PDB file of N, CA and C in Angstrom:
ATOM      1  N   MET A   1      17.844 -75.694  11.002  1.00  0.00           N
ATOM      2  CA  MET A   1      18.513 -75.505   9.726  1.00  0.00           C
ATOM      3  C   MET A   1      20.019 -75.614   9.944  1.00  0.00           C
ATOM      4  N   GLU A   2      20.697 -76.220   8.968  1.00  0.00           N
ATOM      5  CA  GLU A   2      22.152 -76.315   9.042  1.00  0.00           C
ATOM      6  C   GLU A   2      22.747 -74.924   9.163  1.00  0.00           C
ATOM      7  N   ASN A   3      23.997 -74.879   9.496  1.00  0.00           N
ATOM      8  CA  ASN A   3      24.715 -73.617   9.524  1.00  0.00           C
ATOM      9  C   ASN A   3      24.544 -72.932   8.168  1.00  0.00           C
ATOM     10  N   VAL A   4      24.083 -71.693   8.187  1.00  0.00           N
ATOM     11  CA  VAL A   4      23.797 -70.965   6.948  1.00  0.00           C
ATOM     12  C   VAL A   4      25.039 -70.866   6.079  1.00  0.00           C
ATOM     13  N   GLU A   5      26.186 -70.635   6.690  1.00  0.00           N
ATOM     14  CA  GLU A   5      27.420 -70.519   5.910  1.00  0.00           C
ATOM     15  C   GLU A   5      27.722 -71.818   5.166  1.00  0.00           C
ATOM     16  N   GLN A   6      27.480 -72.961   5.802  1.00  0.00           N
ATOM     17  CA  GLN A   6      27.698 -74.251   5.137  1.00  0.00           C
ATOM     18  C   GLN A   6      26.759 -74.401   3.940  1.00  0.00           C
ATOM     19  N   LEU A   7      25.510 -73.991   4.111  1.00  0.00           N
ATOM     20  CA  LEU A   7      24.548 -74.073   3.012  1.00  0.00           C
ATOM     21  C   LEU A   7      24.963 -73.168   1.857  1.00  0.00           C
ATOM     22  N   VAL A   8      25.450 -71.989   2.194  1.00  0.00           N
ATOM     23  CA  VAL A   8      25.899 -71.049   1.164  1.00  0.00           C
ATOM     24  C   VAL A   8      27.060 -71.651   0.377  1.00  0.00           C
ATOM     25  N   PHE A   9      28.008 -72.265   1.071  1.00  0.00           N
ATOM     26  CA  PHE A   9      29.129 -72.901   0.378  1.00  0.00           C
ATOM     27  C   PHE A   9      28.653 -74.060  -0.500  1.00  0.00           C
ATOM     28  N   GLN A  10      27.632 -74.776  -0.074  1.00  0.00           N
ATOM     29  CA  GLN A  10      27.085 -75.860  -0.897  1.00  0.00           C
ATOM     30  C   GLN A  10      26.441 -75.310  -2.168  1.00  0.00           C
ATOM     31  N   ILE A  11      25.776 -74.167  -2.068  1.00  0.00           N
ATOM     32  CA  ILE A  11      25.204 -73.537  -3.265  1.00  0.00           C
ATOM     33  C   ILE A  11      26.324 -73.195  -4.244  1.00  0.00           C
ATOM     34  N   ILE A  12      27.399 -72.617  -3.725  1.00  0.00           N
ATOM     35  CA  ILE A  12      28.533 -72.260  -4.584  1.00  0.00           C
ATOM     36  C   ILE A  12      29.130 -73.511  -5.219  1.00  0.00           C
ATOM     37  N   LEU A  13      29.321 -74.560  -4.420  1.00  0.00           N
ATOM     38  CA  LEU A  13      29.898 -75.810  -4.920  1.00  0.00           C
ATOM     39  C   LEU A  13      29.046 -76.412  -6.032  1.00  0.00           C
ATOM     40  N   HIS A  14      27.765 -76.622  -5.754  1.00  0.00           N
ATOM     41  CA  HIS A  14      26.900 -77.263  -6.749  1.00  0.00           C
ATOM     42  C   HIS A  14      26.666 -76.357  -7.957  1.00  0.00           C
ATOM     43  N   GLY A  15      26.580 -75.064  -7.728  1.00  0.00           N
ATOM     44  CA  GLY A  15      26.440 -74.132  -8.846  1.00  0.00           C
ATOM     45  C   GLY A  15      27.656 -74.176  -9.756  1.00  0.00           C
ATOM     46  N   GLY A  16      28.834 -74.191  -9.156  1.00  0.00           N
ATOM     47  CA  GLY A  16      30.067 -74.266  -9.945  1.00  0.00           C
ATOM     48  C   GLY A  16      30.183 -75.573 -10.705  1.00  0.00           C
ATOM     49  N   ASN A  17      29.829 -76.669 -10.050  1.00  0.00           N
ATOM     50  CA  ASN A  17      29.862 -77.972 -10.731  1.00  0.00           C
ATOM     51  C   ASN A  17      28.874 -78.002 -11.891  1.00  0.00           C
ATOM     52  N   GLY A  18      27.691 -77.444 -11.678  1.00  0.00           N
ATOM     53  CA  GLY A  18      26.693 -77.401 -12.744  1.00  0.00           C
ATOM     54  C   GLY A  18      27.165 -76.574 -13.923  1.00  0.00           C
ATOM     55  N   ARG A  19      27.765 -75.434 -13.632  1.00  0.00           N
ATOM     56  CA  ARG A  19      28.277 -74.574 -14.704  1.00  0.00           C
ATOM     57  C   ARG A  19      29.376 -75.301 -15.477  1.00  0.00           C
ATOM     58  N   SER A  20      30.286 -75.964 -14.767  1.00  0.00           N
ATOM     59  CA  SER A  20      31.369 -76.703 -15.422  1.00  0.00           C
ATOM     60  C   SER A  20      30.819 -77.801 -16.328  1.00  0.00           C
ATOM     61  N   SER A  21      29.822 -78.526 -15.851  1.00  0.00           N
ATOM     62  CA  SER A  21      29.223 -79.585 -16.674  1.00  0.00           C
ATOM     63  C   SER A  21      28.559 -79.001 -17.915  1.00  0.00           C
ATOM     64  N   ALA A  22      27.923 -77.855 -17.778  1.00  0.00           N
ATOM     65  CA  ALA A  22      27.292 -77.207 -18.931  1.00  0.00           C
ATOM     66  C   ALA A  22      28.345 -76.791 -19.955  1.00  0.00           C
ATOM     67  N   MET A  23      29.462 -76.260 -19.482  1.00  0.00           N
ATOM     68  CA  MET A  23      30.543 -75.877 -20.393  1.00  0.00           C
ATOM     69  C   MET A  23      31.115 -77.112 -21.086  1.00  0.00           C
ATOM     70  N   GLU A  24      31.250 -78.208 -20.348  1.00  0.00           N
ATOM     71  CA  GLU A  24      31.733 -79.462 -20.933  1.00  0.00           C
ATOM     72  C   GLU A  24      30.746 -79.993 -21.968  1.00  0.00           C
ATOM     73  N   ALA A  25      29.463 -79.778 -21.754  1.00  0.00           N
ATOM     74  CA  ALA A  25      28.450 -80.206 -22.725  1.00  0.00           C
ATOM     75  C   ALA A  25      28.642 -79.475 -24.044  1.00  0.00           C
ATOM     76  N   MET A  26      28.898 -78.181 -23.971  1.00  0.00           N
ATOM     77  CA  MET A  26      29.115 -77.417 -25.208  1.00  0.00           C
ATOM     78  C   MET A  26      30.371 -77.880 -25.926  1.00  0.00           C
ATOM     79  N   ALA A  27      31.437 -78.155 -25.184  1.00  0.00           N
ATOM     80  CA  ALA A  27      32.674 -78.638 -25.795  1.00  0.00           C
ATOM     81  C   ALA A  27      32.450 -79.994 -26.459  1.00  0.00           C
ATOM     82  N   ALA A  28      31.704 -80.868 -25.805  1.00  0.00           N
ATOM     83  CA  ALA A  28      31.419 -82.189 -26.379  1.00  0.00           C
ATOM     84  C   ALA A  28      30.596 -82.052 -27.654  1.00  0.00           C
ATOM     85  N   ALA A  29      29.616 -81.168 -27.638  1.00  0.00           N
ATOM     86  CA  ALA A  29      28.788 -80.967 -28.834  1.00  0.00           C
ATOM     87  C   ALA A  29      29.622 -80.410 -29.978  1.00  0.00           C
ATOM     88  N   ARG A  30      30.501 -79.478 -29.664  1.00  0.00           N
ATOM     89  CA  ARG A  30      31.367 -78.896 -30.692  1.00  0.00           C
ATOM     90  C   ARG A  30      32.241 -79.983 -31.320  1.00  0.00           C
ATOM     91  N   ALA A  31      32.636 -80.979 -30.513  1.00  0.00           N
ATOM     92  CA  ALA A  31      33.450 -82.092 -31.005  1.00  0.00           C
ATOM     93  C   ALA A  31      32.611 -83.177 -31.679  1.00  0.00           C
ATOM     94  N   GLY A  32      31.285 -83.023 -31.657  1.00  0.00           N
ATOM     95  CA  GLY A  32      30.408 -83.992 -32.298  1.00  0.00           C
ATOM     96  C   GLY A  32      29.990 -85.151 -31.412  1.00  0.00           C
ATOM     97  N   ASP A  33      30.333 -85.116 -30.138  1.00  0.00           N
ATOM     98  CA  ASP A  33      29.968 -86.189 -29.208  1.00  0.00           C
ATOM     99  C   ASP A  33      28.673 -85.794 -28.489  1.00  0.00           C
ATOM    100  N   PHE A  34      27.557 -86.020 -29.172  1.00  0.00           N
ATOM    101  CA  PHE A  34      26.272 -85.554 -28.665  1.00  0.00           C
ATOM    102  C   PHE A  34      25.764 -86.380 -27.485  1.00  0.00           C
ATOM    103  N   MET A  35      26.159 -87.635 -27.415  1.00  0.00           N
ATOM    104  CA  MET A  35      25.762 -88.452 -26.269  1.00  0.00           C
ATOM    105  C   MET A  35      26.417 -87.909 -24.996  1.00  0.00           C
ATOM    106  N   LEU A  36      27.709 -87.614 -25.086  1.00  0.00           N
ATOM    107  CA  LEU A  36      28.414 -87.039 -23.937  1.00  0.00           C
ATOM    108  C   LEU A  36      27.833 -85.667 -23.597  1.00  0.00           C
ATOM    109  N   ALA A  37      27.514 -84.890 -24.617  1.00  0.00           N
ATOM    110  CA  ALA A  37      26.930 -83.565 -24.383  1.00  0.00           C
ATOM    111  C   ALA A  37      25.635 -83.679 -23.586  1.00  0.00           C
ATOM    112  N   GLN A  38      24.789 -84.629 -23.950  1.00  0.00           N
ATOM    113  CA  GLN A  38      23.527 -84.810 -23.227  1.00  0.00           C
ATOM    114  C   GLN A  38      23.773 -85.283 -21.791  1.00  0.00           C
ATOM    115  N   GLU A  39      24.750 -86.168 -21.614  1.00  0.00           N
ATOM    116  CA  GLU A  39      25.088 -86.632 -20.260  1.00  0.00           C
ATOM    117  C   GLU A  39      25.553 -85.460 -19.395  1.00  0.00           C
ATOM    118  N   LYS A  40      26.369 -84.589 -19.982  1.00  0.00           N
ATOM    119  CA  LYS A  40      26.869 -83.429 -19.236  1.00  0.00           C
ATOM    120  C   LYS A  40      25.734 -82.465 -18.901  1.00  0.00           C
ATOM    121  N   LEU A  41      24.782 -82.297 -19.805  1.00  0.00           N
ATOM    122  CA  LEU A  41      23.628 -81.446 -19.512  1.00  0.00           C
ATOM    123  C   LEU A  41      22.798 -82.035 -18.374  1.00  0.00           C
ATOM    124  N   GLN A  42      22.652 -83.357 -18.372  1.00  0.00           N
ATOM    125  CA  GLN A  42      21.908 -84.004 -17.287  1.00  0.00           C
ATOM    126  C   GLN A  42      22.632 -83.842 -15.954  1.00  0.00           C
ATOM    127  N   GLN A  43      23.964 -83.959 -15.985  1.00  0.00           N
ATOM    128  CA  GLN A  43      24.744 -83.763 -14.757  1.00  0.00           C
ATOM    129  C   GLN A  43      24.604 -82.321 -14.274  1.00  0.00           C
ATOM    130  N   ALA A  44      24.644 -81.381 -15.201  1.00  0.00           N
ATOM    131  CA  ALA A  44      24.466 -79.969 -14.833  1.00  0.00           C
ATOM    132  C   ALA A  44      23.107 -79.761 -14.182  1.00  0.00           C
ATOM    133  N   ALA A  45      22.082 -80.379 -14.748  1.00  0.00           N
ATOM    134  CA  ALA A  45      20.734 -80.236 -14.193  1.00  0.00           C
ATOM    135  C   ALA A  45      20.664 -80.807 -12.776  1.00  0.00           C
ATOM    136  N   ARG A  46      21.331 -81.932 -12.541  1.00  0.00           N
ATOM    137  CA  ARG A  46      21.327 -82.526 -11.196  1.00  0.00           C
ATOM    138  C   ARG A  46      22.025 -81.601 -10.194  1.00  0.00           C
ATOM    139  N   ASP A  47      23.190 -81.103 -10.570  1.00  0.00           N
ATOM    140  CA  ASP A  47      23.928 -80.221  -9.659  1.00  0.00           C
ATOM    141  C   ASP A  47      23.161 -78.933  -9.390  1.00  0.00           C
ATOM    142  N   LEU A  48      22.607 -78.347 -10.435  1.00  0.00           N
ATOM    143  CA  LEU A  48      21.865 -77.104 -10.245  1.00  0.00           C
ATOM    144  C   LEU A  48      20.577 -77.350  -9.471  1.00  0.00           C
ATOM    145  N   GLY A  49      19.988 -78.514  -9.652  1.00  0.00           N
ATOM    146  CA  GLY A  49      18.811 -78.873  -8.865  1.00  0.00           C
ATOM    147  C   GLY A  49      19.142 -78.968  -7.386  1.00  0.00           C
ATOM    148  N   GLU A  50      20.305 -79.534  -7.078  1.00  0.00           N
ATOM    149  CA  GLU A  50      20.747 -79.632  -5.681  1.00  0.00           C
ATOM    150  C   GLU A  50      20.973 -78.238  -5.096  1.00  0.00           C
ATOM    151  N   ALA A  51      21.630 -77.381  -5.853  1.00  0.00           N
ATOM    152  CA  ALA A  51      21.863 -76.010  -5.378  1.00  0.00           C
ATOM    153  C   ALA A  51      20.544 -75.276  -5.177  1.00  0.00           C
ATOM    154  N   HIS A  52      19.609 -75.481  -6.087  1.00  0.00           N
ATOM    155  CA  HIS A  52      18.307 -74.819  -5.984  1.00  0.00           C
ATOM    156  C   HIS A  52      17.538 -75.320  -4.758  1.00  0.00           C
ATOM    157  N   THR A  53      17.652 -76.605  -4.463  1.00  0.00           N
ATOM    158  CA  THR A  53      17.005 -77.163  -3.271  1.00  0.00           C
ATOM    159  C   THR A  53      17.543 -76.497  -2.005  1.00  0.00           C
ATOM    160  N   ILE A  54      18.843 -76.309  -1.952  1.00  0.00           N
ATOM    161  CA  ILE A  54      19.453 -75.655  -0.790  1.00  0.00           C
ATOM    162  C   ILE A  54      18.995 -74.203  -0.708  1.00  0.00           C
ATOM    163  N   GLN A  55      18.957 -73.538  -1.847  1.00  0.00           N
ATOM    164  CA  GLN A  55      18.472 -72.156  -1.885  1.00  0.00           C
ATOM    165  C   GLN A  55      17.038 -72.086  -1.351  1.00  0.00           C
ATOM    166  N   THR A  56      16.214 -73.036  -1.759  1.00  0.00           N
ATOM    167  CA  THR A  56      14.825 -73.078  -1.301  1.00  0.00           C
ATOM    168  C   THR A  56      14.754 -73.285   0.208  1.00  0.00           C
ATOM    169  N   GLN A  57      15.634 -74.125   0.756  1.00  0.00           N
ATOM    170  CA  GLN A  57      15.683 -74.321   2.214  1.00  0.00           C
ATOM    171  C   GLN A  57      15.949 -72.999   2.933  1.00  0.00           C
ATOM    172  N   LEU A  58      16.875 -72.227   2.402  1.00  0.00           N
ATOM    173  CA  LEU A  58      17.186 -70.932   3.015  1.00  0.00           C
ATOM    174  C   LEU A  58      15.985 -69.993   2.954  1.00  0.00           C
ATOM    175  N   ILE A  59      15.319 -69.975   1.818  1.00  0.00           N
ATOM    176  CA  ILE A  59      14.147 -69.109   1.650  1.00  0.00           C
ATOM    177  C   ILE A  59      13.030 -69.541   2.597  1.00  0.00           C
ATOM    178  N   GLN A  60      12.781 -70.847   2.675  1.00  0.00           N
ATOM    179  CA  GLN A  60      11.731 -71.341   3.565  1.00  0.00           C
ATOM    180  C   GLN A  60      12.050 -71.038   5.023  1.00  0.00           C
ATOM    181  N   GLY A  61      13.325 -71.091   5.382  1.00  0.00           N
ATOM    182  CA  GLY A  61      13.724 -70.729   6.738  1.00  0.00           C
ATOM    183  C   GLY A  61      13.375 -69.284   7.049  1.00  0.00           C
ATOM    184  N   GLU A  62      13.611 -68.412   6.101  1.00  0.00           N
ATOM    185  CA  GLU A  62      13.259 -67.002   6.309  1.00  0.00           C
ATOM    186  C   GLU A  62      11.752 -66.832   6.437  1.00  0.00           C
ATOM    187  N   ILE A  63      10.998 -67.576   5.645  1.00  0.00           N
ATOM    188  CA  ILE A  63       9.533 -67.503   5.718  1.00  0.00           C
ATOM    189  C   ILE A  63       9.051 -67.924   7.106  1.00  0.00           C
ATOM    190  N   ARG A  64       9.733 -68.917   7.702  1.00  0.00           N
ATOM    191  CA  ARG A  64       9.379 -69.383   9.050  1.00  0.00           C
ATOM    192  C   ARG A  64       9.880 -68.438  10.142  1.00  0.00           C
ATOM    193  N   GLY A  65      10.548 -67.383   9.748  1.00  0.00           N
ATOM    194  CA  GLY A  65      11.034 -66.425  10.725  1.00  0.00           C
ATOM    195  C   GLY A  65      12.466 -66.639  11.169  1.00  0.00           C
ATOM    196  N   GLU A  66      13.158 -67.576  10.541  1.00  0.00           N
ATOM    197  CA  GLU A  66      14.574 -67.829  10.861  1.00  0.00           C
ATOM    198  C   GLU A  66      15.417 -66.821  10.083  1.00  0.00           C
ATOM    199  N   LYS A  67      15.678 -65.713  10.697  1.00  0.00           N
ATOM    200  CA  LYS A  67      16.424 -64.652  10.018  1.00  0.00           C
ATOM    201  C   LYS A  67      17.902 -65.012   9.936  1.00  0.00           C
ATOM    202  N   SER A  68      18.483 -64.734   8.790  1.00  0.00           N
ATOM    203  CA  SER A  68      19.917 -64.932   8.624  1.00  0.00           C
ATOM    204  C   SER A  68      20.510 -63.637   8.073  1.00  0.00           C
ATOM    205  N   GLU A  69      21.721 -63.404   8.470  1.00  0.00           N
ATOM    206  CA  GLU A  69      22.407 -62.202   8.015  1.00  0.00           C
ATOM    207  C   GLU A  69      22.746 -62.352   6.538  1.00  0.00           C
ATOM    208  N   ILE A  70      22.441 -61.325   5.778  1.00  0.00           N
ATOM    209  CA  ILE A  70      22.781 -61.350   4.356  1.00  0.00           C
ATOM    210  C   ILE A  70      24.227 -60.885   4.232  1.00  0.00           C
ATOM    211  N   SER A  71      25.082 -61.819   3.871  1.00  0.00           N
ATOM    212  CA  SER A  71      26.511 -61.528   3.763  1.00  0.00           C
ATOM    213  C   SER A  71      26.909 -61.426   2.298  1.00  0.00           C
ATOM    214  N   LEU A  72      28.083 -60.894   2.074  1.00  0.00           N
ATOM    215  CA  LEU A  72      28.617 -60.838   0.722  1.00  0.00           C
ATOM    216  C   LEU A  72      28.748 -62.249   0.158  1.00  0.00           C
ATOM    217  N   LEU A  73      29.086 -63.207   1.007  1.00  0.00           N
ATOM    218  CA  LEU A  73      29.209 -64.600   0.574  1.00  0.00           C
ATOM    219  C   LEU A  73      27.864 -65.142   0.092  1.00  0.00           C
ATOM    220  N   MET A  74      26.780 -64.814   0.795  1.00  0.00           N
ATOM    221  CA  MET A  74      25.458 -65.264   0.375  1.00  0.00           C
ATOM    222  C   MET A  74      25.061 -64.621  -0.957  1.00  0.00           C
ATOM    223  N   VAL A  75      25.347 -63.344  -1.104  1.00  0.00           N
ATOM    224  CA  VAL A  75      25.051 -62.661  -2.366  1.00  0.00           C
ATOM    225  C   VAL A  75      25.847 -63.303  -3.494  1.00  0.00           C
ATOM    226  N   HIS A  76      27.105 -63.611  -3.223  1.00  0.00           N
ATOM    227  CA  HIS A  76      27.955 -64.267  -4.221  1.00  0.00           C
ATOM    228  C   HIS A  76      27.373 -65.627  -4.611  1.00  0.00           C
ATOM    229  N   ALA A  77      26.914 -66.388  -3.637  1.00  0.00           N
ATOM    230  CA  ALA A  77      26.336 -67.706  -3.912  1.00  0.00           C
ATOM    231  C   ALA A  77      25.100 -67.586  -4.799  1.00  0.00           C
ATOM    232  N   GLN A  78      24.248 -66.630  -4.504  1.00  0.00           N
ATOM    233  CA  GLN A  78      23.036 -66.441  -5.301  1.00  0.00           C
ATOM    234  C   GLN A  78      23.394 -66.026  -6.728  1.00  0.00           C
ATOM    235  N   ASP A  79      24.349 -65.114  -6.850  1.00  0.00           N
ATOM    236  CA  ASP A  79      24.801 -64.669  -8.167  1.00  0.00           C
ATOM    237  C   ASP A  79      25.409 -65.830  -8.939  1.00  0.00           C
ATOM    238  N   HIS A  80      26.228 -66.615  -8.251  1.00  0.00           N
ATOM    239  CA  HIS A  80      26.888 -67.770  -8.853  1.00  0.00           C
ATOM    240  C   HIS A  80      25.846 -68.764  -9.380  1.00  0.00           C
ATOM    241  N   LEU A  81      24.831 -69.036  -8.568  1.00  0.00           N
ATOM    242  CA  LEU A  81      23.794 -69.988  -8.959  1.00  0.00           C
ATOM    243  C   LEU A  81      22.999 -69.481 -10.156  1.00  0.00           C
ATOM    244  N   MET A  82      22.586 -68.235 -10.124  1.00  0.00           N
ATOM    245  CA  MET A  82      21.770 -67.713 -11.221  1.00  0.00           C
ATOM    246  C   MET A  82      22.558 -67.691 -12.528  1.00  0.00           C
ATOM    247  N   ASN A  83      23.840 -67.335 -12.456  1.00  0.00           N
ATOM    248  CA  ASN A  83      24.666 -67.361 -13.662  1.00  0.00           C
ATOM    249  C   ASN A  83      24.844 -68.787 -14.172  1.00  0.00           C
ATOM    250  N   ALA A  84      25.033 -69.728 -13.272  1.00  0.00           N
ATOM    251  CA  ALA A  84      25.190 -71.129 -13.673  1.00  0.00           C
ATOM    252  C   ALA A  84      23.919 -71.653 -14.332  1.00  0.00           C
ATOM    253  N   MET A  85      22.764 -71.259 -13.807  1.00  0.00           N
ATOM    254  CA  MET A  85      21.498 -71.695 -14.402  1.00  0.00           C
ATOM    255  C   MET A  85      21.345 -71.120 -15.809  1.00  0.00           C
ATOM    256  N   THR A  86      21.766 -69.885 -15.998  1.00  0.00           N
ATOM    257  CA  THR A  86      21.706 -69.270 -17.325  1.00  0.00           C
ATOM    258  C   THR A  86      22.644 -69.984 -18.289  1.00  0.00           C
ATOM    259  N   VAL A  87      23.861 -70.278 -17.844  1.00  0.00           N
ATOM    260  CA  VAL A  87      24.820 -70.990 -18.692  1.00  0.00           C
ATOM    261  C   VAL A  87      24.260 -72.345 -19.095  1.00  0.00           C
ATOM    262  N   LYS A  88      23.622 -73.044 -18.174  1.00  0.00           N
ATOM    263  CA  LYS A  88      23.062 -74.369 -18.476  1.00  0.00           C
ATOM    264  C   LYS A  88      21.969 -74.273 -19.533  1.00  0.00           C
ATOM    265  N   GLU A  89      21.090 -73.275 -19.417  1.00  0.00           N
ATOM    266  CA  GLU A  89      20.019 -73.106 -20.406  1.00  0.00           C
ATOM    267  C   GLU A  89      20.597 -72.768 -21.777  1.00  0.00           C
ATOM    268  N   LEU A  90      21.584 -71.893 -21.820  1.00  0.00           N
ATOM    269  CA  LEU A  90      22.221 -71.554 -23.093  1.00  0.00           C
ATOM    270  C   LEU A  90      22.978 -72.751 -23.658  1.00  0.00           C
ATOM    271  N   ALA A  91      23.608 -73.534 -22.793  1.00  0.00           N
ATOM    272  CA  ALA A  91      24.322 -74.726 -23.248  1.00  0.00           C
ATOM    273  C   ALA A  91      23.368 -75.710 -23.909  1.00  0.00           C
ATOM    274  N   ALA A  92      22.184 -75.873 -23.352  1.00  0.00           N
ATOM    275  CA  ALA A  92      21.198 -76.777 -23.956  1.00  0.00           C
ATOM    276  C   ALA A  92      20.841 -76.306 -25.362  1.00  0.00           C
ATOM    277  N   GLU A  93      20.697 -75.009 -25.543  1.00  0.00           N
ATOM    278  CA  GLU A  93      20.388 -74.467 -26.872  1.00  0.00           C
ATOM    279  C   GLU A  93      21.559 -74.659 -27.829  1.00  0.00           C
ATOM    280  N   ILE A  94      22.767 -74.439 -27.354  1.00  0.00           N
ATOM    281  CA  ILE A  94      23.943 -74.586 -28.208  1.00  0.00           C
ATOM    282  C   ILE A  94      24.154 -76.046 -28.592  1.00  0.00           C
ATOM    283  N   VAL A  95      23.942 -76.961 -27.664  1.00  0.00           N
ATOM    284  CA  VAL A  95      24.049 -78.390 -27.985  1.00  0.00           C
ATOM    285  C   VAL A  95      23.024 -78.750 -29.052  1.00  0.00           C
ATOM    286  N   ALA A  96      21.795 -78.292 -28.886  1.00  0.00           N
ATOM    287  CA  ALA A  96      20.750 -78.574 -29.879  1.00  0.00           C
ATOM    288  C   ALA A  96      21.122 -77.989 -31.238  1.00  0.00           C
ATOM    289  N   LEU A  97      21.703 -76.816 -31.243  1.00  0.00           N
ATOM    290  CA  LEU A  97      22.118 -76.186 -32.495  1.00  0.00           C
ATOM    291  C   LEU A  97      23.212 -76.997 -33.177  1.00  0.00           C
ATOM    292  N   HIS A  98      24.203 -77.444 -32.406  1.00  0.00           N
ATOM    293  CA  HIS A  98      25.264 -78.282 -32.975  1.00  0.00           C
ATOM    294  C   HIS A  98      24.682 -79.582 -33.533  1.00  0.00           C
ATOM    295  N   GLU A  99      23.727 -80.176 -32.822  1.00  0.00           N
ATOM    296  CA  GLU A  99      23.093 -81.405 -33.311  1.00  0.00           C
ATOM    297  C   GLU A  99      22.384 -81.147 -34.635  1.00  0.00           C
ATOM    298  N   ARG A 100      21.663 -80.052 -34.700  1.00  0.00           N
ATOM    299  CA  ARG A 100      20.923 -79.720 -35.927  1.00  0.00           C
ATOM    300  C   ARG A 100      21.880 -79.451 -37.084  1.00  0.00           C
ATOM    301  N   LEU A 101      22.912 -78.673 -36.836  1.00  0.00           N
ATOM    302  CA  LEU A 101      23.871 -78.373 -37.899  1.00  0.00           C
ATOM    303  C   LEU A 101      24.598 -79.632 -38.348  1.00  0.00           C
ATOM    304  N   GLY A 102      24.905 -80.520 -37.403  1.00  0.00           N
ATOM    305  CA  GLY A 102      25.546 -81.781 -37.757  1.00  0.00           C
ATOM    306  C   GLY A 102      24.640 -82.647 -38.609  1.00  0.00           C
ATOM    307  N   ALA A 103      23.357 -82.686 -38.289  1.00  0.00           N
ATOM    308  CA  ALA A 103      22.399 -83.473 -39.070  1.00  0.00           C
ATOM    309  C   ALA A 103      22.239 -82.882 -40.464  1.00  0.00           C
ATOM    310  N   GLU A 104      22.174 -81.563 -40.566  1.00  0.00           N
ATOM    311  CA  GLU A 104      22.040 -80.914 -41.874  1.00  0.00           C
ATOM    312  C   GLU A 104      23.274 -81.161 -42.732  1.00  0.00           C
ATOM    313  N   LYS A 105      24.449 -81.170 -42.114  1.00  0.00           N
ATOM    314  CA  LYS A 105      25.682 -81.431 -42.849  1.00  0.00           C
ATOM    315  C   LYS A 105      25.668 -82.845 -43.427  1.00  0.00           C
ATOM    316  N   LEU A 106      25.172 -83.814 -42.648  1.00  0.00           N
ATOM    317  CA  LEU A 106      25.091 -85.196 -43.132  1.00  0.00           C
ATOM    318  C   LEU A 106      24.142 -85.314 -44.316  1.00  0.00           C
ATOM    319  N   VAL A 107      23.047 -84.577 -44.288  1.00  0.00           N
ATOM    320  CA  VAL A 107      22.066 -84.628 -45.372  1.00  0.00           C
ATOM    321  C   VAL A 107      22.672 -84.080 -46.660  1.00  0.00           C
ATOM    322  N   ARG A 108      23.476 -83.033 -46.561  1.00  0.00           N
ATOM    323  CA  ARG A 108      24.079 -82.420 -47.747  1.00  0.00           C
ATOM    324  C   ARG A 108      25.177 -83.276 -48.338  1.00  0.00           C
ATOM    325  N   GLU A 109      25.794 -84.115 -47.520  1.00  0.00           N
ATOM    326  CA  GLU A 109      26.926 -84.918 -48.014  1.00  0.00           C
ATOM    327  C   GLU A 109      26.468 -86.100 -48.743  1.00  0.00           C
TER     328      GLU A 109
END
């Protein structure tokens, strides 16, 4: 297994990128650019998928008996990833809501 600290930093990196893309998706939807919003959600999903894959590698290593020290940095990475995943799920709902409200506004006009 790669250096655990390097893997932890990769989780933080990809988690942060995923969260940023999710936030950008909401901003795009608020501006009415739903195509960009969907692209940003897809990018968030890719980044969070990469972070989750790394997280799974760490878990599988522990299952195989490769013990790693639980550091504050590792706890931070896990917290960062879980929060980013939550933001992405909420962003998908908010984008869908903006799309629906935009469609309803067009019907009324």
